Structures are given as structure tokens and as C-alpha cells.
Amino acid sequence: MGCCSSHQIEHIPLKPYGNIDLTEVNLLASMLNEAKLTSLKSEIDEPIIVIDKITLNPLGYSLVSGRVSNFISLIENMNASVTVMEGMMEKQGLHGLDLIIEKGYIDLLRYYLPIYRSTFPQKFSSIEDSETSCSFPDSRTIRKTPLHLATERGYLETIQFLYTSFKNSYTPEKYNVHHVDEYSGENSALIACKKCHLSIVKYLREYCNADFNLKSKRSESALHLAAFGSNTNKIEGFEVIKYLIEEVKIDFTFQYEEVLLIMNEKPILEYIEQKLKTRGVMCSKEEVEKKYSISCYKEKKAVFLFENDSEFTIGAISSIDFNATVGLMNASSFLESDYN
């Protein structure tokens, strides 16, 4: 275990949202050279690199960079320790399995989850399920579970694999599609609607029986959140809204004025207005804007970025506070960067 003293750990600083290219020649390929195999096995678990102040050993680097073949080779051919890697990460507020889920590395997840479960069985019992997921040691992201982050990012295969893997056994909250975030009040269903991921919305309803009637802490329904998302994801947003109304049978009359205020796309507005007419509600976006005298708050005012939270809608009309302090949330450079 003399790696730290025998060679210098490479430090690589990152700028926010920056990308780096670390080649096999510089790192892992050289380690797998047959001539060095014997000597390296004794040091394979030692740290070799620091990325954005995060210290990683070869196995940890392979994990965060999504290098499946190297990850497998290090475990099966060089006896790299999962326990050592996870211990090193946990001291820095990270969890290897969570990172795989949050970055959508599905092939790595398929390989690693069975190993992780057998290595750390205590983490998959209700007694031990108190660990807060944290993709990066930053209070701004600490509330979001790995599954919620995977849902935000549209990783359908990751969600499918986790759901089927835990279907007949206890599911830790941070991997549970039914988990409700205590801060936002959102579950995976609401998050999928907010991001307008149609395929995930359909999967959560048709296979997971997720609750689409849940309201967020700001009294936002799945329709409110989908309406918000439709402003940036117009085509799929329209499909999500139609699916919620026609298949999920969500109550589209709930705070319908707010829904109209949030929307900006004419086809979607016309669709909602027509649906409201079938319930005897004769109303248009223009009429609602005039009624509440907020016509000056157009599309660019329909979205706020709130510190400690992701984007959200303007909230229920009764709770609108245009003098609220607005902060910006910067995503972790560690997660948003790709190390390959």
C-alpha cells in the first residue's frame, strides 16, 4: 500500500461545466500492462488522481468516467476492492452506486448493483435506510435522491432496471420510484412531468403505478408542472399534457387559471381551453391575465430559479410573491462533467 509515497497523485482542477479528456494511455491502460500487473496489484486500491478536489483510485476513476470494461477488469483481473473504493468515496460525501445511477451508466449499473448489494447487504434493509443520497458534497443537492436525479435527466433504462431489481424485495427510499422528496413534495411522477419525459411518465404509470395525483409543496399538480415544462420542451410537453388528461384522467380543472398563465404555446393553450369548455369552463389565457393584471409577466417571468431547488412554476395564484428573493442554483461540476 505504498502508492501515495511512490508516485505523485495527479491533480486535475475543473471549471464549472467543463469537460476533460483523460486517455487510457495516461491512466488505466498503463496499469493493465502485463509487465506491471504483479507489482500494481498490491497498490491497485491506492489513490491516483484528484478531480475537482475529489480523490479517486483506479476503480473509482473507472466508475465516475463510465469505463465499464476497465471497471470489470480491475475487479476481476486485479482484485480491486469495492469496499476500499466506496470507503474512499464516502469519506468525501459520495457513493459509487449513486453516482452510476445519477449519470445514467446503465451497463455499469447492471454489473455493479449485484456486487454492491452482496458487499453491503446492510444498506438494503429498512433499519439502515437512513442514509441521505448525495451526488456531491454540496447542500444544494443533498435533498435529491439518485433516482430523482436520474428521472430529471431522462434515464429511463436506469429507472426500469432499479424498479425491476427491487420489485420483490425491500427498496431503499433513495432508489424507490414512490419516494416523495420532503423539501419539494415531488415524487418521480411529478419530476417526469416537469421535465416532460413522456417515456418515463408512461412507464411510471403503466408499470410502477406511480401517484400522479400528488401535489407538490407549492400545491402544483402534475399538470401544472407539465405545463411549465412544455414551455421549453414543446412537442413532448404537449404529449405529456394530453397523456395526463386523457389517460391518467388528472383533474385539469384544478387551479386551471394558473395552468393557463404558465403556458405559452398556442396549440397547447387551445387544447386546454377546449378541454375546459367540456367542463363548462369558458376561459382563455388572455382573460386570466387581464383578470389578475399580470399580463406583463410573460414567458421570461413564468420561471424562477430558487436557491436550494430546481426550477418551478409561479405557484398557485393565491401564493404568488413577485418580490420574492431569487437565487441561482449551479449544478455540481463533478456530476455535470464527463470524464472520458
Protein backbone atom coordinates (compact mmCIF):
# COMPACT_ATOMS: atom_id res chain seq x y z
CA MET A 1 0.00 0.00 0.00
CA GLY A 2 2.77 2.41 -0.88
CA CYS A 3 1.31 4.14 -3.89
CA CYS A 4 0.95 7.50 -2.19
CA SER A 5 4.62 7.56 -1.29
CA SER A 6 5.97 6.01 -4.51
CA HIS A 7 4.36 8.34 -7.03
CA GLN A 8 2.56 11.63 -7.07
CA ILE A 9 -1.20 11.78 -7.32
CA GLU A 10 -2.30 13.71 -10.38
CA HIS A 11 -4.44 16.77 -9.66
CA ILE A 12 -6.86 17.95 -12.32
CA PRO A 13 -8.86 21.09 -11.49
CA LEU A 14 -12.15 21.57 -13.32
CA LYS A 15 -14.10 24.64 -14.20
CA PRO A 16 -17.90 24.51 -13.81
CA TYR A 17 -19.47 22.54 -16.65
CA GLY A 18 -16.02 21.88 -18.08
CA ASN A 19 -15.05 18.65 -19.81
CA ILE A 20 -11.72 16.88 -19.71
CA ASP A 21 -10.22 14.07 -21.72
CA LEU A 22 -8.14 11.61 -19.73
CA THR A 23 -6.85 8.90 -22.04
CA GLU A 24 -6.24 5.25 -21.32
CA VAL A 25 -2.55 5.76 -22.13
CA ASN A 26 -2.14 8.21 -19.27
CA LEU A 27 -4.05 6.21 -16.69
CA LEU A 28 -5.70 2.84 -16.77
CA ALA A 29 -4.18 1.28 -19.87
CA SER A 30 -0.69 1.62 -18.44
CA MET A 31 -1.83 -0.06 -15.24
CA LEU A 32 -3.14 -3.06 -17.11
CA ASN A 33 0.18 -3.67 -18.85
CA GLU A 34 1.10 -7.30 -18.23
CA ALA A 35 4.63 -6.48 -17.14
CA LYS A 36 3.37 -4.28 -14.33
CA LEU A 37 0.49 -6.49 -13.26
CA THR A 38 2.13 -8.18 -10.27
CA SER A 39 3.51 -5.04 -8.63
CA LEU A 40 0.41 -2.99 -9.32
CA LYS A 41 -1.96 -5.46 -7.69
CA SER A 42 -0.56 -4.54 -4.30
CA GLU A 43 -1.24 -0.87 -4.93
CA ILE A 44 -4.34 -1.01 -7.11
CA ASP A 45 -6.58 0.45 -4.43
CA GLU A 46 -4.40 3.48 -3.76
CA PRO A 47 -5.48 6.97 -4.96
CA ILE A 48 -4.08 8.03 -8.33
CA ILE A 49 -5.92 11.20 -9.25
CA VAL A 50 -7.78 14.19 -7.82
CA ILE A 51 -10.59 15.64 -9.92
CA ASP A 52 -12.20 18.84 -8.68
CA LYS A 53 -10.92 18.10 -5.14
CA ILE A 54 -12.31 14.56 -5.27
CA THR A 55 -9.67 11.88 -4.71
CA LEU A 56 -10.11 8.68 -6.71
CA ASN A 57 -8.32 5.37 -7.02
CA PRO A 58 -8.28 3.43 -10.33
CA LEU A 59 -11.61 1.72 -9.61
CA GLY A 60 -13.23 5.00 -8.56
CA TYR A 61 -11.95 6.76 -11.65
CA SER A 62 -13.30 4.00 -13.88
CA LEU A 63 -16.66 4.36 -12.16
CA VAL A 64 -17.08 8.13 -12.46
CA SER A 65 -15.88 8.07 -16.07
CA GLY A 66 -18.23 5.23 -17.01
CA ARG A 67 -15.46 2.93 -18.28
CA VAL A 68 -17.24 -0.38 -17.90
CA SER A 69 -14.56 -2.68 -19.35
CA ASN A 70 -11.85 -1.15 -17.17
CA PHE A 71 -14.08 -1.31 -14.09
CA ILE A 72 -14.75 -5.00 -14.68
CA SER A 73 -11.09 -5.77 -15.43
CA LEU A 74 -9.89 -4.02 -12.28
CA ILE A 75 -12.25 -6.12 -10.14
CA GLU A 76 -11.93 -9.47 -11.89
CA ASN A 77 -8.29 -9.42 -13.02
CA MET A 78 -6.60 -7.19 -10.47
CA ASN A 79 -8.67 -7.78 -7.37
CA ALA A 80 -9.52 -4.11 -6.89
CA SER A 81 -11.58 -3.67 -3.75
CA VAL A 82 -15.12 -2.32 -3.96
CA THR A 83 -15.04 -1.81 -0.20
CA VAL A 84 -11.93 0.38 -0.36
CA MET A 85 -13.29 2.41 -3.28
CA GLU A 86 -16.64 3.04 -1.59
CA GLY A 87 -14.92 3.85 1.70
CA MET A 88 -12.73 6.42 -0.03
CA MET A 89 -15.78 7.97 -1.69
CA GLU A 90 -17.92 8.01 1.45
CA LYS A 91 -15.27 9.96 3.32
CA GLN A 92 -15.78 12.65 0.67
CA GLY A 93 -19.58 12.55 0.82
CA LEU A 94 -20.01 10.37 -2.26
CA HIS A 95 -21.48 6.95 -3.01
CA GLY A 96 -20.33 4.96 -6.02
CA LEU A 97 -23.65 3.31 -6.77
CA ASP A 98 -25.47 6.62 -6.53
CA LEU A 99 -23.06 8.23 -8.99
CA ILE A 100 -23.68 5.45 -11.50
CA ILE A 101 -27.43 5.98 -11.21
CA GLU A 102 -27.22 9.77 -11.42
CA LYS A 103 -25.00 9.68 -14.50
CA GLY A 104 -27.14 7.06 -16.27
CA TYR A 105 -24.39 4.47 -16.74
CA ILE A 106 -26.79 1.61 -17.34
CA ASP A 107 -24.23 -1.07 -18.33
CA LEU A 108 -22.14 -0.25 -15.29
CA LEU A 109 -25.27 -0.33 -13.13
CA ARG A 110 -26.21 -3.80 -14.37
CA TYR A 111 -22.78 -5.10 -13.46
CA TYR A 112 -22.25 -3.25 -10.21
CA LEU A 113 -25.61 -3.40 -8.42
CA PRO A 114 -25.42 -7.15 -7.65
CA ILE A 115 -21.85 -6.72 -6.38
CA TYR A 116 -22.80 -3.70 -4.28
CA ARG A 117 -25.80 -5.49 -2.75
CA SER A 118 -23.75 -8.53 -1.78
CA THR A 119 -20.87 -6.41 -0.45
CA PHE A 120 -23.08 -4.05 1.59
CA PRO A 121 -26.24 -6.02 2.49
CA GLN A 122 -26.85 -3.75 5.48
CA LYS A 123 -27.57 -0.84 3.12
CA PHE A 124 -30.60 -2.67 1.77
CA SER A 125 -32.56 -3.13 4.96
CA SER A 126 -35.19 -0.85 6.49
CA ILE A 127 -33.05 -0.49 9.62
CA GLU A 128 -30.17 1.06 7.70
CA ASP A 129 -32.25 3.11 5.28
CA SER A 130 -31.48 6.47 6.82
CA GLU A 131 -28.60 7.45 4.55
CA THR A 132 -29.23 10.64 2.58
CA SER A 133 -28.18 10.38 -1.03
CA CYS A 134 -25.69 12.98 -2.10
CA SER A 135 -24.19 13.07 -5.56
CA PHE A 136 -21.69 15.70 -4.44
CA PRO A 137 -20.86 17.16 -1.03
CA ASP A 138 -22.96 20.26 -1.56
CA SER A 139 -26.02 21.28 0.46
CA ARG A 140 -27.80 22.40 -2.69
CA THR A 141 -28.14 18.85 -3.99
CA ILE A 142 -28.33 16.89 -0.77
CA ARG A 143 -32.13 16.60 -0.82
CA LYS A 144 -32.38 14.87 -4.18
CA THR A 145 -32.20 11.10 -4.36
CA PRO A 146 -30.22 9.34 -7.10
CA LEU A 147 -33.46 8.09 -8.63
CA HIS A 148 -34.98 11.57 -8.70
CA LEU A 149 -31.86 12.89 -10.41
CA ALA A 150 -31.99 10.04 -12.92
CA THR A 151 -35.63 10.93 -13.58
CA GLU A 152 -34.79 14.60 -14.11
CA ARG A 153 -32.13 13.64 -16.62
CA GLY A 154 -34.37 11.25 -18.55
CA TYR A 155 -32.59 7.97 -17.81
CA LEU A 156 -35.47 5.58 -18.48
CA GLU A 157 -33.35 2.41 -18.60
CA THR A 158 -31.86 3.25 -15.21
CA ILE A 159 -35.32 3.68 -13.70
CA GLN A 160 -36.54 0.44 -15.28
CA PHE A 161 -33.56 -1.53 -14.02
CA LEU A 162 -33.84 -0.24 -10.47
CA TYR A 163 -37.58 -0.85 -10.33
CA THR A 164 -37.32 -4.43 -11.57
CA SER A 165 -34.27 -5.15 -9.40
CA PHE A 166 -36.11 -4.22 -6.20
CA LYS A 167 -39.59 -5.28 -7.24
CA ASN A 168 -39.75 -8.32 -4.97
CA SER A 169 -37.56 -7.03 -2.16
CA TYR A 170 -37.17 -4.09 0.16
CA THR A 171 -36.38 -0.90 -1.76
CA PRO A 172 -34.26 1.78 -0.06
CA GLU A 173 -36.01 5.14 -0.28
CA LYS A 174 -33.36 6.73 -2.47
CA TYR A 175 -33.94 4.05 -5.13
CA ASN A 176 -37.72 3.99 -4.78
CA VAL A 177 -39.89 5.49 -7.55
CA HIS A 178 -42.59 6.21 -4.97
CA HIS A 179 -40.37 8.24 -2.65
CA VAL A 180 -41.61 11.79 -2.02
CA ASP A 181 -38.96 14.48 -1.61
CA GLU A 182 -39.53 16.10 1.77
CA TYR A 183 -38.43 19.52 0.53
CA SER A 184 -40.28 19.83 -2.79
CA GLY A 185 -43.07 17.35 -2.14
CA GLU A 186 -42.39 15.77 -5.54
CA ASN A 187 -42.15 12.11 -6.43
CA SER A 188 -40.71 10.62 -9.62
CA ALA A 189 -44.04 11.05 -11.40
CA LEU A 190 -44.14 14.80 -10.81
CA ILE A 191 -40.49 15.19 -11.75
CA ALA A 192 -41.01 13.30 -15.01
CA CYS A 193 -43.97 15.56 -15.82
CA LYS A 194 -41.98 18.70 -15.00
CA LYS A 195 -39.21 17.61 -17.36
CA CYS A 196 -41.74 16.34 -19.94
CA HIS A 197 -40.12 12.92 -20.28
CA LEU A 198 -43.04 11.15 -21.95
CA SER A 199 -41.50 7.67 -21.96
CA ILE A 200 -40.76 7.89 -18.23
CA VAL A 201 -44.25 9.25 -17.49
CA LYS A 202 -45.78 6.29 -19.31
CA TYR A 203 -43.51 3.76 -17.59
CA LEU A 204 -44.16 5.14 -14.11
CA ARG A 205 -47.90 4.96 -14.62
CA GLU A 206 -48.24 1.73 -16.59
CA TYR A 207 -45.65 -0.40 -14.79
CA CYS A 208 -44.99 1.26 -11.43
CA ASN A 209 -48.47 2.60 -10.62
CA ALA A 210 -46.88 5.88 -9.54
CA ASP A 211 -49.05 8.56 -7.95
CA PHE A 212 -49.75 11.33 -10.47
CA ASN A 213 -52.39 12.95 -8.27
CA LEU A 214 -49.84 14.07 -5.70
CA LYS A 215 -49.44 17.83 -5.18
CA SER A 216 -46.08 19.47 -4.55
CA LYS A 217 -45.33 21.62 -1.52
CA ARG A 218 -46.38 24.61 -3.67
CA SER A 219 -49.73 22.96 -4.45
CA GLU A 220 -48.64 22.21 -8.02
CA SER A 221 -50.24 19.26 -9.76
CA ALA A 222 -48.62 17.07 -12.40
CA LEU A 223 -50.43 19.18 -14.99
CA HIS A 224 -49.02 22.44 -13.62
CA LEU A 225 -45.51 21.04 -13.79
CA ALA A 226 -46.02 19.61 -17.28
CA ALA A 227 -47.39 22.97 -18.42
CA PHE A 228 -44.25 24.61 -17.12
CA GLY A 229 -42.02 22.06 -18.85
CA SER A 230 -43.89 22.47 -22.12
CA ASN A 231 -42.51 25.99 -22.50
CA THR A 232 -39.06 24.58 -23.20
CA ASN A 233 -39.95 21.08 -24.41
CA LYS A 234 -42.86 21.97 -26.67
CA ILE A 235 -43.53 18.78 -28.63
CA GLU A 236 -43.06 16.22 -25.88
CA GLY A 237 -44.62 18.60 -23.37
CA PHE A 238 -47.83 18.65 -25.39
CA GLU A 239 -47.84 14.84 -25.47
CA VAL A 240 -47.31 14.63 -21.71
CA ILE A 241 -50.19 17.05 -21.09
CA LYS A 242 -52.51 15.08 -23.36
CA TYR A 243 -51.45 11.83 -21.69
CA LEU A 244 -52.16 13.23 -18.23
CA ILE A 245 -55.62 14.39 -19.24
CA GLU A 246 -56.71 11.54 -21.49
CA GLU A 247 -55.01 8.52 -19.90
CA VAL A 248 -54.18 9.43 -16.30
CA LYS A 249 -57.50 11.32 -16.05
CA ILE A 250 -55.96 14.05 -13.97
CA ASP A 251 -58.29 16.82 -12.79
CA PHE A 252 -57.49 19.55 -15.30
CA THR A 253 -59.90 21.98 -13.64
CA PHE A 254 -57.70 22.18 -10.53
CA GLN A 255 -56.26 25.72 -10.46
CA TYR A 256 -56.87 25.91 -14.19
CA GLU A 257 -56.20 29.65 -14.26
CA GLU A 258 -52.63 29.06 -13.17
CA VAL A 259 -52.21 26.38 -15.83
CA LEU A 260 -53.29 28.88 -18.50
CA LEU A 261 -50.92 31.52 -17.13
CA ILE A 262 -47.97 29.14 -17.23
CA MET A 263 -48.48 28.03 -20.81
CA ASN A 264 -47.20 29.96 -23.81
CA GLU A 265 -47.62 27.63 -26.77
CA LYS A 266 -50.77 28.33 -28.79
CA PRO A 267 -51.62 24.69 -29.72
CA ILE A 268 -51.35 23.57 -26.10
CA LEU A 269 -53.39 26.55 -24.88
CA GLU A 270 -56.10 25.83 -27.43
CA TYR A 271 -56.20 22.20 -26.34
CA ILE A 272 -56.56 23.09 -22.65
CA GLU A 273 -59.14 25.78 -23.34
CA GLN A 274 -61.19 23.31 -25.36
CA LYS A 275 -61.00 20.71 -22.59
CA LEU A 276 -62.14 23.29 -20.05
CA LYS A 277 -65.16 24.07 -22.22
CA THR A 278 -66.24 20.43 -21.94
CA ARG A 279 -66.50 21.05 -18.18
CA GLY A 280 -68.41 24.28 -18.64
CA VAL A 281 -65.41 26.50 -18.00
CA MET A 282 -65.27 29.25 -20.60
CA CYS A 283 -61.87 30.84 -20.11
CA SER A 284 -58.76 31.87 -22.03
CA LYS A 285 -55.24 32.85 -21.08
CA GLU A 286 -55.88 36.47 -22.12
CA GLU A 287 -58.90 36.69 -19.85
CA VAL A 288 -56.97 35.33 -16.89
CA GLU A 289 -54.08 37.72 -17.47
CA LYS A 290 -56.48 40.63 -17.62
CA LYS A 291 -58.32 39.43 -14.53
CA TYR A 292 -55.20 39.37 -12.40
CA SER A 293 -53.44 42.26 -14.17
CA ILE A 294 -50.21 40.35 -14.67
CA SER A 295 -50.04 40.39 -18.44
CA CYS A 296 -46.61 41.98 -18.20
CA TYR A 297 -45.27 38.76 -16.74
CA LYS A 298 -44.73 36.88 -19.95
CA GLU A 299 -42.71 33.77 -20.62
CA LYS A 300 -39.47 35.01 -19.13
CA LYS A 301 -41.29 35.73 -15.85
CA ALA A 302 -43.00 32.37 -15.71
CA VAL A 303 -39.87 30.68 -14.42
CA PHE A 304 -37.88 31.32 -11.28
CA LEU A 305 -34.70 29.74 -10.08
CA PHE A 306 -34.87 29.30 -6.36
CA GLU A 307 -31.92 28.60 -4.15
CA ASN A 308 -31.85 25.00 -2.90
CA ASP A 309 -34.33 23.90 -5.53
CA SER A 310 -34.65 23.25 -9.23
CA GLU A 311 -36.87 25.29 -11.50
CA PHE A 312 -40.52 25.63 -10.56
CA THR A 313 -43.64 27.40 -11.74
CA ILE A 314 -45.01 30.66 -10.42
CA GLY A 315 -47.08 28.69 -7.93
CA ALA A 316 -50.75 28.97 -7.09
CA ILE A 317 -52.23 32.38 -7.81
CA SER A 318 -53.01 32.85 -4.14
CA SER A 319 -49.34 32.37 -3.27
CA ILE A 320 -47.65 34.49 -5.95
CA ASP A 321 -44.99 36.71 -4.45
CA PHE A 322 -43.28 38.78 -7.11
CA ASN A 323 -40.99 40.34 -4.50
CA ALA A 324 -39.51 37.00 -3.53
CA THR A 325 -35.77 36.81 -3.38
CA VAL A 326 -34.47 34.86 -6.35
CA GLY A 327 -31.23 32.89 -6.30
CA LEU A 328 -29.36 30.85 -8.85
CA MET A 329 -28.56 27.19 -8.46
CA ASN A 330 -25.32 25.99 -10.01
CA ALA A 331 -25.09 22.29 -10.70
CA SER A 332 -22.11 20.39 -9.44
CA SER A 333 -19.27 20.42 -11.95
CA PHE A 334 -18.30 16.96 -10.77
CA LEU A 335 -21.57 15.42 -11.91
CA GLU A 336 -22.16 17.56 -14.97
CA SER A 337 -18.74 16.82 -16.43
CA ASP A 338 -17.92 13.63 -18.31
CA TYR A 339 -14.60 12.05 -17.52
CA ASN A 340 -13.97 10.14 -20.73
